[in-house]
Protein backbone atom coordinates (compact mmCIF):
# COMPACT_ATOMS: atom_id res chain seq x y z
CA MET A 1 95.20 0.34 31.69
CA GLY A 2 96.60 3.68 30.51
CA SER A 3 96.28 6.86 32.53
CA THR A 4 94.20 9.90 31.75
CA GLN A 5 96.46 12.58 30.33
CA VAL A 6 96.02 16.16 31.54
CA PHE A 7 96.93 19.13 29.36
CA SER A 8 97.09 22.75 30.42
CA THR A 9 95.21 24.39 27.54
CA ALA A 10 94.05 22.10 24.72
CA ALA A 11 93.84 18.45 23.70
CA VAL A 12 92.60 15.94 21.16
CA ALA A 13 91.77 12.23 21.24
CA ALA A 14 91.65 9.79 18.34
CA PRO A 15 91.74 6.02 17.67
CA HIS A 16 95.04 6.28 15.74
CA GLN A 17 98.04 8.17 17.04
CA ALA A 18 98.76 9.76 13.66
CA ALA A 19 95.35 11.46 13.75
CA ALA A 20 95.92 12.68 17.30
CA ASP A 21 99.32 14.04 16.27
CA ALA A 22 97.77 15.86 13.31
CA GLY A 23 95.28 17.55 15.62
CA ARG A 24 97.95 18.55 18.10
CA ASN A 25 100.06 20.00 15.30
CA VAL A 26 97.19 22.26 14.28
CA LEU A 27 96.59 23.38 17.85
CA ALA A 28 100.31 24.15 18.19
CA MET A 29 100.12 26.33 15.04
CA GLY A 30 97.39 28.38 16.70
CA GLY A 31 94.48 26.58 15.08
CA ASN A 32 91.16 26.11 16.83
CA ALA A 33 89.42 22.85 17.70
CA VAL A 34 87.38 22.82 14.48
CA GLU A 35 90.48 23.23 12.32
CA ALA A 36 92.24 20.56 14.35
CA MET A 37 89.35 18.18 13.74
CA VAL A 38 89.47 18.69 9.97
CA ALA A 39 93.16 17.77 10.04
CA MET A 40 92.35 14.73 12.16
CA ALA A 41 89.44 13.71 9.93
CA ALA A 42 91.61 13.82 6.80
CA THR A 43 94.43 11.92 8.48
CA ILE A 44 92.26 9.20 10.00
CA ALA A 45 90.70 8.61 6.56
CA VAL A 46 94.19 7.68 5.32
CA VAL A 47 95.63 5.74 8.25
CA TYR A 48 92.49 3.84 9.36
CA PRO A 49 90.83 2.82 6.05
CA HIS A 50 88.93 -0.13 7.51
CA MET A 51 87.04 2.25 9.78
CA ASN A 52 86.35 5.32 7.64
CA SER A 53 87.04 7.12 4.38
CA ILE A 54 86.49 10.41 2.55
CA GLY A 55 83.89 8.37 0.68
CA GLY A 56 81.80 8.20 3.88
CA ASP A 57 79.72 10.53 6.03
CA GLY A 58 80.33 12.63 9.13
CA PHE A 59 78.52 14.42 11.95
CA TRP A 60 79.75 17.29 14.11
CA LEU A 61 78.81 18.77 17.46
CA VAL A 62 80.64 22.01 18.31
CA ARG A 63 80.16 23.70 21.68
CA GLU A 64 81.09 27.34 21.97
CA PRO A 65 82.63 28.78 25.16
CA LYS A 66 79.40 30.61 26.00
CA GLY A 67 77.38 27.40 25.77
CA ARG A 68 75.76 27.32 22.33
CA VAL A 69 76.01 23.93 20.63
CA ARG A 70 76.02 23.70 16.83
CA ALA A 71 75.41 20.55 14.79
CA PHE A 72 76.79 20.02 11.28
CA GLU A 73 75.19 17.25 9.23
CA ALA A 74 77.33 15.76 6.47
CA CYS A 75 75.45 12.70 5.28
CA GLY A 76 74.63 12.13 1.63
CA PRO A 77 71.30 10.96 0.21
CA ALA A 78 70.58 8.03 -2.07
CA GLY A 79 71.52 8.65 -5.69
CA ALA A 80 69.08 9.53 -8.44
CA LYS A 81 69.16 6.00 -9.84
CA ALA A 82 68.78 4.32 -6.42
CA ASN A 83 65.19 3.13 -6.37
CA ILE A 84 63.46 -0.07 -5.33
CA ALA A 85 62.60 -1.06 -8.89
CA ARG A 86 66.30 -1.07 -9.85
CA TYR A 87 67.17 -3.52 -7.10
CA GLN A 88 64.13 -5.69 -7.69
CA ARG A 89 65.05 -6.00 -11.37
CA ARG A 90 68.39 -7.32 -10.21
CA GLU A 91 66.56 -9.83 -8.00
CA TYR A 92 67.79 -8.44 -4.70
CA GLU A 93 65.65 -9.04 -1.63
CA THR A 94 67.75 -6.62 0.43
CA ILE A 95 70.35 -3.96 -0.35
CA PRO A 96 73.64 -5.76 -1.04
CA PRO A 97 76.35 -4.76 1.46
CA ARG A 98 79.28 -4.85 -0.96
CA GLY A 99 79.98 -3.85 -4.53
CA PRO A 100 78.66 -1.08 -6.83
CA ASP A 101 75.01 -1.57 -5.86
CA ALA A 102 76.03 -0.96 -2.23
CA ALA A 103 77.69 2.35 -3.15
CA LEU A 104 74.35 4.10 -3.47
CA THR A 105 74.66 7.28 -1.36
CA VAL A 106 76.60 10.50 -1.90
CA PRO A 107 79.72 10.78 0.33
CA GLY A 108 79.07 13.63 2.75
CA ALA A 109 82.17 13.83 4.95
CA VAL A 110 84.17 16.29 2.83
CA GLY A 111 81.17 18.61 2.58
CA GLY A 112 81.06 18.56 6.37
CA TRP A 113 84.72 19.59 6.54
CA ALA A 114 83.91 22.54 4.26
CA LEU A 115 80.93 23.63 6.37
CA ALA A 116 82.97 23.29 9.57
CA LEU A 117 85.81 25.39 8.12
CA ASP A 118 83.37 28.11 7.06
CA TYR A 119 82.33 28.24 10.70
CA ALA A 120 85.94 28.04 11.93
CA ARG A 121 86.78 31.23 10.04
CA THR A 122 83.98 33.09 11.85
CA ILE A 123 85.65 32.29 15.18
CA GLY A 124 89.13 33.33 14.12
CA GLY A 125 90.42 30.35 12.17
CA ARG A 126 93.22 31.37 9.82
CA LEU A 127 95.08 28.20 8.83
CA THR A 128 95.11 27.24 5.17
CA LEU A 129 93.64 24.05 3.78
CA ARG A 130 97.19 23.08 2.85
CA ASP A 131 98.14 23.33 6.53
CA LEU A 132 95.21 21.17 7.58
CA LEU A 133 95.63 18.43 4.96
CA ALA A 134 99.44 18.27 5.07
CA ASP A 135 99.70 15.28 7.43
CA ALA A 136 97.07 13.29 5.54
CA ILE A 137 98.79 13.94 2.21
CA ARG A 138 102.17 12.94 3.63
CA HIS A 139 100.88 9.69 5.09
CA ALA A 140 99.11 8.75 1.87
CA ARG A 141 102.20 9.35 -0.24
CA GLU A 142 104.89 8.01 2.07
CA GLY A 143 102.86 5.04 3.21
CA VAL A 144 101.15 3.92 6.40
CA PRO A 145 102.00 0.80 8.41
CA VAL A 146 98.97 -1.46 8.84
CA SER A 147 97.70 -0.86 12.37
CA PRO A 148 96.93 -3.64 14.85
CA SER A 149 93.21 -2.93 14.44
CA GLN A 150 93.36 -3.11 10.65
CA ALA A 151 95.33 -6.36 10.84
CA ARG A 152 92.78 -7.82 13.29
CA CYS A 153 89.86 -6.81 11.08
CA GLN A 154 89.07 -9.93 9.08
CA PRO A 155 85.84 -9.38 7.13
CA ASP A 156 84.49 -11.85 4.60
CA LEU A 157 86.93 -11.19 1.78
CA GLY A 158 84.86 -12.95 -0.88
CA PRO A 159 82.53 -10.03 -1.66
CA LEU A 160 85.16 -7.41 -0.82
CA ALA A 161 87.77 -8.93 -3.11
CA GLN A 162 85.23 -8.77 -5.95
CA ALA A 163 84.47 -5.09 -5.37
CA PRO A 164 86.11 -2.87 -8.01
CA GLY A 165 89.56 -1.66 -7.00
CA PHE A 166 89.61 -3.16 -3.53
CA ALA A 167 92.08 -6.05 -3.79
CA SER A 168 94.87 -4.14 -5.50
CA VAL A 169 95.02 -1.52 -2.76
CA TYR A 170 94.00 -3.24 0.49
CA LEU A 171 95.05 -6.88 0.03
CA ARG A 172 98.38 -8.59 -0.35
CA GLU A 173 98.34 -12.10 -1.85
CA GLY A 174 94.58 -12.12 -1.37
CA LYS A 175 94.72 -11.38 2.37
CA ILE A 176 94.54 -8.46 4.76
CA PRO A 177 98.22 -7.49 5.21
CA ALA A 178 100.04 -8.23 8.44
CA GLN A 179 100.50 -5.55 11.07
CA GLY A 180 103.29 -3.18 10.12
CA THR A 181 103.03 -3.74 6.36
CA LEU A 182 103.52 -0.41 4.61
CA LEU A 183 100.58 0.58 2.38
CA ARG A 184 100.66 3.60 0.10
CA TYR A 185 97.56 5.37 -1.15
CA GLU A 186 98.92 7.38 -4.05
CA ALA A 187 95.62 8.24 -5.74
CA LEU A 188 94.09 9.34 -2.43
CA GLY A 189 97.16 11.45 -1.70
CA ALA A 190 96.85 13.14 -5.10
CA THR A 191 93.17 13.83 -4.46
CA LEU A 192 93.84 15.39 -1.07
CA ASP A 193 96.67 17.45 -2.57
CA HIS A 194 94.33 18.69 -5.31
CA LEU A 195 91.68 19.60 -2.75
CA ALA A 196 94.29 21.48 -0.73
CA GLN A 197 94.99 23.62 -3.80
CA GLN A 198 91.50 23.99 -5.29
CA GLY A 199 89.28 23.84 -2.21
CA LEU A 200 86.95 21.22 -0.77
CA ASP A 201 84.07 22.21 -3.05
CA ASP A 202 86.03 20.59 -5.89
CA PHE A 203 85.12 17.20 -4.38
CA TYR A 204 81.54 17.75 -5.52
CA ARG A 205 81.55 20.37 -8.26
CA GLY A 206 85.07 20.37 -9.71
CA ASP A 207 87.58 18.03 -11.26
CA VAL A 208 87.52 15.57 -8.36
CA GLY A 209 83.73 15.41 -8.51
CA ARG A 210 83.87 14.74 -12.24
CA GLU A 211 86.37 11.90 -11.78
CA ILE A 212 84.34 10.39 -8.93
CA ALA A 213 81.21 10.48 -11.06
CA GLU A 214 82.96 8.91 -14.06
CA ASP A 215 84.28 6.05 -11.94
CA LEU A 216 80.89 5.52 -10.31
CA GLU A 217 79.21 5.37 -13.70
CA ARG A 218 81.84 2.95 -14.97
CA ILE A 219 81.33 0.48 -12.12
CA GLY A 220 77.53 0.79 -12.21
CA SER A 221 76.78 2.77 -9.02
CA PRO A 222 73.42 4.59 -8.91
CA VAL A 223 75.08 7.86 -7.76
CA THR A 224 75.40 10.44 -10.57
CA ARG A 225 77.42 13.58 -11.26
CA GLU A 226 74.33 15.67 -10.61
CA ASP A 227 73.88 13.98 -7.21
CA LEU A 228 77.37 15.15 -6.30
CA ARG A 229 76.78 18.67 -7.62
CA GLN A 230 73.63 19.09 -5.55
CA PHE A 231 75.07 17.97 -2.22
CA GLU A 232 75.53 20.46 0.60
CA ALA A 233 76.23 19.76 4.26
CA LYS A 234 73.69 21.36 6.60
CA VAL A 235 73.48 23.10 9.95
CA ARG A 236 71.03 21.31 12.24
CA GLU A 237 69.63 21.94 15.71
CA PRO A 238 71.06 19.35 18.13
CA LEU A 239 68.90 17.28 20.45
CA ALA A 240 69.25 18.23 24.10
CA LEU A 241 68.44 16.39 27.33
CA LYS A 242 68.53 18.27 30.63
CA LEU A 243 69.23 16.18 33.70
CA ALA A 244 70.29 17.16 37.21
CA GLY A 245 73.50 19.17 37.00
CA ARG A 246 74.11 18.71 33.29
CA THR A 247 72.77 18.95 29.74
CA HIS A 248 73.45 16.21 27.23
CA TYR A 249 73.64 16.91 23.49
CA ASN A 250 73.51 14.57 20.53
CA PHE A 251 72.58 14.53 16.88
CA PRO A 252 68.98 14.44 15.58
CA PRO A 253 67.63 11.96 13.00
CA PRO A 254 68.57 10.42 10.66
CA THR A 255 71.19 9.44 13.28
CA GLN A 256 70.44 7.35 16.36
CA GLY A 257 71.53 10.19 18.66
CA LEU A 258 68.02 10.09 20.11
CA ALA A 259 68.66 6.55 21.35
CA SER A 260 71.84 7.63 23.13
CA LEU A 261 69.96 10.36 24.99
CA LEU A 262 67.00 8.10 25.73
CA ILE A 263 69.21 5.52 27.41
CA LEU A 264 70.69 8.16 29.69
CA GLY A 265 67.32 9.77 30.39
CA ILE A 266 65.56 6.49 31.18
CA PHE A 267 68.45 5.20 33.28
CA ASP A 268 68.55 8.46 35.24
CA ARG A 269 65.02 7.73 36.49
CA MET A 270 65.90 4.29 37.84
CA GLY A 271 67.64 5.63 40.92
CA VAL A 272 70.77 3.50 40.51
CA THR A 273 73.50 4.82 42.81
CA THR A 274 76.07 2.01 42.88
CA PRO A 275 78.24 1.50 39.79
CA GLU A 276 79.23 -1.82 38.23
CA GLY A 277 76.67 -3.95 40.05
CA PHE A 278 73.59 -5.77 38.78
CA ALA A 279 71.33 -2.69 38.90
CA HIS A 280 73.80 -0.64 36.85
CA ILE A 281 74.31 -3.14 34.04
CA HIS A 282 70.76 -4.51 34.03
CA GLY A 283 69.36 -0.97 34.07
CA LEU A 284 71.45 0.14 31.11
CA VAL A 285 70.54 -2.98 29.12
CA GLU A 286 66.83 -2.53 29.76
CA ALA A 287 67.02 1.19 28.96
CA THR A 288 68.70 0.25 25.69
CA LYS A 289 65.78 -2.00 24.74
CA ARG A 290 63.26 0.78 25.37
CA ALA A 291 65.40 3.33 23.52
CA PHE A 292 65.90 1.15 20.47
CA ALA A 293 62.17 0.52 20.12
CA ILE A 294 61.61 4.29 19.94
CA ARG A 295 64.65 4.81 17.73
CA ASP A 296 63.39 2.44 15.07
CA LYS A 297 60.21 4.50 14.70
CA LEU A 298 61.65 8.01 14.80
CA CYS A 299 65.25 7.94 13.57
CA ILE A 300 64.74 8.27 9.83
CA ASP A 301 65.28 11.11 7.37
CA PRO A 302 63.23 13.94 8.92
CA ALA A 303 62.07 15.00 5.44
CA PHE A 304 60.09 11.75 5.31
CA SER A 305 58.87 11.71 8.92
CA GLU A 306 56.30 13.52 11.02
CA GLY A 307 57.88 12.27 14.25
CA ARG A 308 59.10 14.72 16.88
CA PRO A 309 62.16 13.18 18.51
CA GLN A 310 62.62 15.95 21.10
CA GLU A 311 59.21 15.06 22.56
CA ALA A 312 60.52 11.58 23.39
CA LEU A 313 63.02 13.27 25.73
CA GLU A 314 60.43 15.14 27.78
CA PRO A 315 60.35 14.21 31.49
CA ARG A 316 56.91 12.59 31.34
CA ALA A 317 57.88 10.41 28.37
CA LEU A 318 61.13 9.30 30.01
CA ALA A 319 59.37 8.53 33.28
CA MET A 320 56.83 6.39 31.46
CA GLU A 321 59.58 4.41 29.72
CA ALA A 322 61.41 3.89 33.01
CA SER A 323 58.21 2.71 34.71
CA LEU A 324 57.90 -0.09 32.16
CA ILE A 325 61.24 -1.60 33.17
CA ASP A 326 61.32 -4.47 35.65
CA MET A 327 64.51 -4.04 37.69
CA GLY A 328 64.53 -7.73 38.47
CA ARG A 329 63.77 -9.31 35.09
CA ALA A 330 64.94 -8.93 31.51
CA ALA A 331 62.42 -7.88 28.87
CA PRO A 332 62.35 -9.55 25.44
CA PHE A 333 64.66 -8.14 22.81
CA PRO A 334 63.67 -8.87 19.19
CA LEU A 335 65.89 -6.31 17.44
CA PRO A 336 68.16 -7.61 14.65
CA PRO A 337 71.95 -7.22 14.85
CA ALA A 338 73.91 -4.48 13.13
CA LYS A 339 77.56 -4.32 12.19
CA GLY A 340 79.65 -1.33 11.36
CA ASP A 341 82.94 0.50 11.45
CA THR A 342 83.45 4.10 12.34
CA ILE A 343 85.77 6.50 14.13
CA TRP A 344 85.03 9.02 16.89
CA MET A 345 87.41 11.86 17.66
CA GLY A 346 87.31 14.85 19.97
CA ALA A 347 89.09 18.18 20.31
CA VAL A 348 89.11 21.06 22.80
CA ASP A 349 91.07 24.26 22.21
CA ARG A 350 92.52 26.94 24.49
CA ASP A 351 89.47 29.18 24.04
CA GLY A 352 87.06 26.47 25.15
CA TYR A 353 85.62 25.38 21.80
CA ALA A 354 84.85 21.66 22.06
CA VAL A 355 84.23 19.29 19.14
CA SER A 356 82.70 15.82 19.11
CA TYR A 357 83.04 14.29 15.66
CA ILE A 358 82.24 10.96 14.05
CA GLN A 359 83.07 9.73 10.53
CA SER A 360 82.28 6.41 8.92
CA THR A 361 81.81 4.16 5.91
CA TYR A 362 79.34 1.94 7.89
CA TRP A 363 80.69 -1.63 7.51
CA GLU A 364 84.43 -2.30 7.55
CA TYR A 365 85.81 -0.91 4.27
CA GLY A 366 82.29 0.21 3.30
CA SER A 367 81.09 -1.00 -0.08
CA GLY A 368 84.63 -2.10 -0.93
CA CYS A 369 84.53 -0.02 -4.11
CA LEU A 370 87.81 1.88 -4.49
CA LEU A 371 87.57 4.51 -7.24
CA PRO A 372 90.87 4.40 -9.16
CA ARG A 373 91.06 8.02 -10.36
CA THR A 374 90.67 9.51 -6.87
CA GLY A 375 91.43 6.73 -4.38
CA VAL A 376 88.02 7.31 -2.76
CA LEU A 377 86.64 4.25 -0.92
CA MET A 378 82.85 4.42 -1.15
CA GLN A 379 80.66 3.80 1.88
CA ASN A 380 77.77 1.31 2.08
CA ARG A 381 75.53 3.34 4.39
CA GLY A 382 72.60 2.69 2.05
CA VAL A 383 72.39 -0.88 3.32
CA SER A 384 70.14 0.52 6.06
CA PHE A 385 67.40 1.16 3.50
CA SER A 386 64.60 -1.35 2.95
CA LEU A 387 63.39 -2.60 -0.44
CA ASP A 388 59.87 -2.85 1.00
CA ALA A 389 58.01 0.31 0.03
CA ARG A 390 55.75 -0.12 3.08
CA SER A 391 58.63 -0.09 5.56
CA ASN A 392 59.62 2.77 7.84
CA ASN A 393 62.79 3.47 5.86
CA PRO A 394 62.29 2.51 2.19
CA LEU A 395 64.88 3.24 -0.46
CA SER A 396 64.12 6.23 -2.68
CA PRO A 397 66.29 8.74 -4.55
CA GLY A 398 67.27 11.74 -2.44
CA ARG A 399 66.44 10.07 0.87
CA LYS A 400 69.07 10.01 3.62
CA PRO A 401 69.77 6.62 5.18
CA PHE A 402 69.45 5.78 8.87
CA HIS A 403 72.76 6.43 10.62
CA THR A 404 74.14 4.62 13.64
CA LEU A 405 76.64 7.49 13.89
CA ASN A 406 76.09 9.89 16.77
CA PRO A 407 78.59 12.24 18.43
CA ALA A 408 77.95 13.00 22.12
CA LEU A 409 78.71 15.99 24.30
CA VAL A 410 77.67 16.96 27.83
CA ALA A 411 77.91 20.34 29.56
CA PHE A 412 77.90 20.26 33.36
CA SER A 413 76.42 23.06 35.41
CA ASP A 414 79.78 23.45 37.22
CA GLY A 415 81.41 24.49 33.93
CA ARG A 416 82.96 21.22 32.83
CA VAL A 417 82.48 20.14 29.20
CA MET A 418 82.89 16.55 28.00
CA PRO A 419 82.86 15.56 24.33
CA TYR A 420 82.80 11.77 23.98
CA GLY A 421 81.78 8.98 21.64
CA THR A 422 82.59 5.64 20.09
CA MET A 423 82.34 3.52 16.98
CA GLY A 424 80.32 0.33 16.97
CA GLY A 425 77.02 0.36 15.04
CA ASP A 426 74.14 -0.48 17.37
CA GLY A 427 76.69 -0.61 20.17
CA GLN A 428 77.37 3.14 20.03
CA PRO A 429 74.55 4.33 22.33
CA GLN A 430 75.26 1.47 24.73
CA VAL A 431 79.00 2.09 24.97
CA GLN A 432 78.41 5.83 25.33
CA ALA A 433 76.04 5.19 28.24
CA GLN A 434 78.47 2.84 29.97
CA LEU A 435 81.32 5.31 29.56
CA PHE A 436 79.36 8.31 30.80
CA THR A 437 77.67 6.66 33.77
CA ARG A 438 81.04 5.40 34.97
CA VAL A 439 82.50 8.90 34.74
CA LEU A 440 79.42 10.23 36.53
CA HIS A 441 80.05 7.76 39.36
CA GLY A 442 83.62 8.98 39.82
CA MET A 443 85.82 7.00 37.44
CA GLY A 444 88.58 8.82 35.59
CA LEU A 445 88.38 8.87 31.80
CA ALA A 446 91.06 6.22 31.26
CA GLU A 447 89.58 3.93 33.90
CA ALA A 448 86.08 4.28 32.44
CA LEU A 449 87.39 3.56 28.94
CA ASP A 450 89.29 0.50 30.13
CA ALA A 451 86.38 -1.00 32.11
CA PRO A 452 84.63 -4.04 30.61
CA ARG A 453 81.65 -3.47 28.32
CA PHE A 454 78.51 -5.15 27.14
CA VAL A 455 76.78 -4.85 23.77
CA LEU A 456 73.22 -6.07 23.32
CA GLY A 457 72.09 -7.45 20.00
CA ARG A 458 75.34 -7.76 18.12
CA THR A 459 76.50 -11.22 17.19
CA TRP A 460 79.67 -13.19 16.69
CA GLY A 461 77.99 -16.35 15.42
CA ALA A 462 75.35 -16.21 18.17
CA ALA A 463 71.65 -15.33 18.42
CA SER A 464 70.86 -11.65 18.10
CA THR A 465 69.13 -11.58 21.49
CA GLN A 466 72.35 -12.32 23.34
CA LEU A 467 74.05 -9.89 25.67
CA ALA A 468 77.73 -9.98 24.70
CA MET A 469 79.93 -9.19 27.70
CA GLU A 470 83.68 -8.79 27.90
CA GLU A 471 85.32 -11.46 30.01
CA GLU A 472 86.62 -8.97 32.59
CA PHE A 473 83.14 -8.65 34.13
CA ASP A 474 82.74 -10.31 37.54
CA PRO A 475 81.42 -13.86 36.94
CA SER A 476 78.89 -13.42 39.75
CA LEU A 477 77.40 -10.45 37.88
CA VAL A 478 77.15 -12.51 34.70
CA ARG A 479 75.32 -15.25 36.63
CA ALA A 480 72.94 -12.72 38.18
CA LEU A 481 72.07 -11.31 34.77
CA GLU A 482 71.45 -14.79 33.41
CA LYS A 483 69.20 -15.59 36.35
CA ALA A 484 67.21 -12.42 35.61
CA GLY A 485 66.47 -13.64 32.08
CA HIS A 486 69.28 -12.09 30.07
CA GLU A 487 71.31 -14.21 27.66
CA PRO A 488 74.89 -13.25 28.52
CA SER A 489 77.67 -14.49 26.27
CA VAL A 490 81.17 -13.85 27.60
CA LYS A 491 83.66 -12.79 24.93
CA PRO A 492 87.32 -11.77 24.90
CA ARG A 493 88.02 -8.06 24.78
CA SER A 494 87.98 -6.92 21.15
CA ASP A 495 87.24 -4.13 18.67
CA ALA A 496 83.66 -5.41 18.57
CA PHE A 497 83.00 -3.60 21.87
CA GLY A 498 83.84 -0.23 20.35
CA HIS A 499 86.66 2.27 20.16
CA ALA A 500 85.60 5.03 22.54
CA GLY A 501 87.22 8.26 23.60
CA ALA A 502 86.58 11.32 25.72
CA LEU A 503 87.88 14.70 26.80
CA MET A 504 86.95 16.77 29.85
CA ARG A 505 87.63 20.52 30.10
CA ASP A 506 87.35 22.05 33.56
CA VAL A 507 86.56 25.62 34.54
CA ARG A 508 90.28 26.47 34.79
CA GLY A 509 90.83 25.47 31.16
CA ARG A 510 92.71 22.24 31.84
CA VAL A 511 91.78 19.36 29.55
CA GLU A 512 91.80 15.68 30.47
CA ALA A 513 91.90 13.32 27.49
CA ALA A 514 91.99 9.59 26.85
CA HIS A 515 91.19 7.11 24.11
CA ASP A 516 90.28 3.45 24.08
CA PRO A 517 92.97 0.84 24.81
CA ARG A 518 91.08 -1.36 22.32
CA ALA A 519 92.17 1.00 19.51
CA ASP A 520 95.54 2.25 18.26
CA GLY A 521 95.42 5.89 19.24
CA GLY A 522 95.51 8.08 22.27
CA ALA A 523 95.52 11.69 23.34
CA ALA A 524 97.76 14.63 22.57
CA GLY A 525 97.68 18.26 23.54
CA LEU A 526 99.29 21.44 24.75
């Protein structure tokens, strides 16, 4: 287990050390936390391609020193040609996860960087886009050694290898390259260099946008040039949950941030005081089941919903959900599994601005479609849509997909601020809850990140109702959970249990920071 690092004024945390270094470099140049995060977001898109890309989406929470929390939404909608009839004509029963028909939503991440930098300038940000993208451009051009996580990631290469452009860039002799193999991303480097000169808006409405659109049309994606032109990232009001001594923040729909807050709010009403025992783990699992049932009704594009997610966080609603949980028996869990790959990163600057950020392509390597003119790897977030027009989340042009992404941040009444988060699809709210409740019970950040985790509903060749548990859990706890009606399945520690990270700023301005030992990154700061 690594130790929590403590920095005197500012810090960052990321799942790849190159991204953490990029953020620290910006802080050292006098940049703020938002600027640092843009540099980290660009760098991580180069060095961790199996987890994210500039062809994906992103979500921001930014807390100001005086307490206001801002939310920046950078998720793209389904393209103009993405409708149910199109997929039915092609005899699909569900959205395909790979290939051009999977690349059906506008990439939003870069638009989020632009919106965040507009805000950064209002709080004194002065660094140029060239400064912020320099590390990402250098890594793309000089080459990046394949990380341990990328080497371990072994998706089904059949569909991926058939996706346009994928094999020539990401495979060697038909396989994922071995750890340490140097990969260069020349087209991506040229795109980032062009954006550094012309501005991020060029990604949607300039030369880069034109080249993206031409490549998408060539491969048969339903996203058009006009879809790109029309995209704008948006400022949203974050969800907030007030509990004793703290306020939790997360992102509203179409993300599952509501589920993350529900788990914490329901669990808070169970009266669990002892960490790591049966009541702790059982309580979190059962709270997850209740939260996911609500999530699946409310966490869709708000333009297509009349639901009011904040109402689900009211004290009476949380108390009712908690009252339905049997602290001695497991409830049924019929939810299907979800898979995904994502990065979470955090930053805190010397002035107290704190950022929780998450960026993703959804599944590992997204749709697999690598656009040759720009080096953009397109996401497959649209796989969350249904081809049943009667469903809660049907595919239609202009509709935003459901997002598992959700950045978390908590402000304590004693002045501490903690941005935190994780990758992991349906596992994100669960891992967040395990991390936070352990910190709440006195664990340091590094210890809480190293502790064993569970994930309910994800599978590794097993039934979706199973409770996957890392093998470091006490065997007696596993037996107690099984006796209570859970279906525990003990697994070796792996990326499947998330790459989490966290920072904690205290009232004196010191920042503690740590990132997951399951990933390839860490913390850096001043």
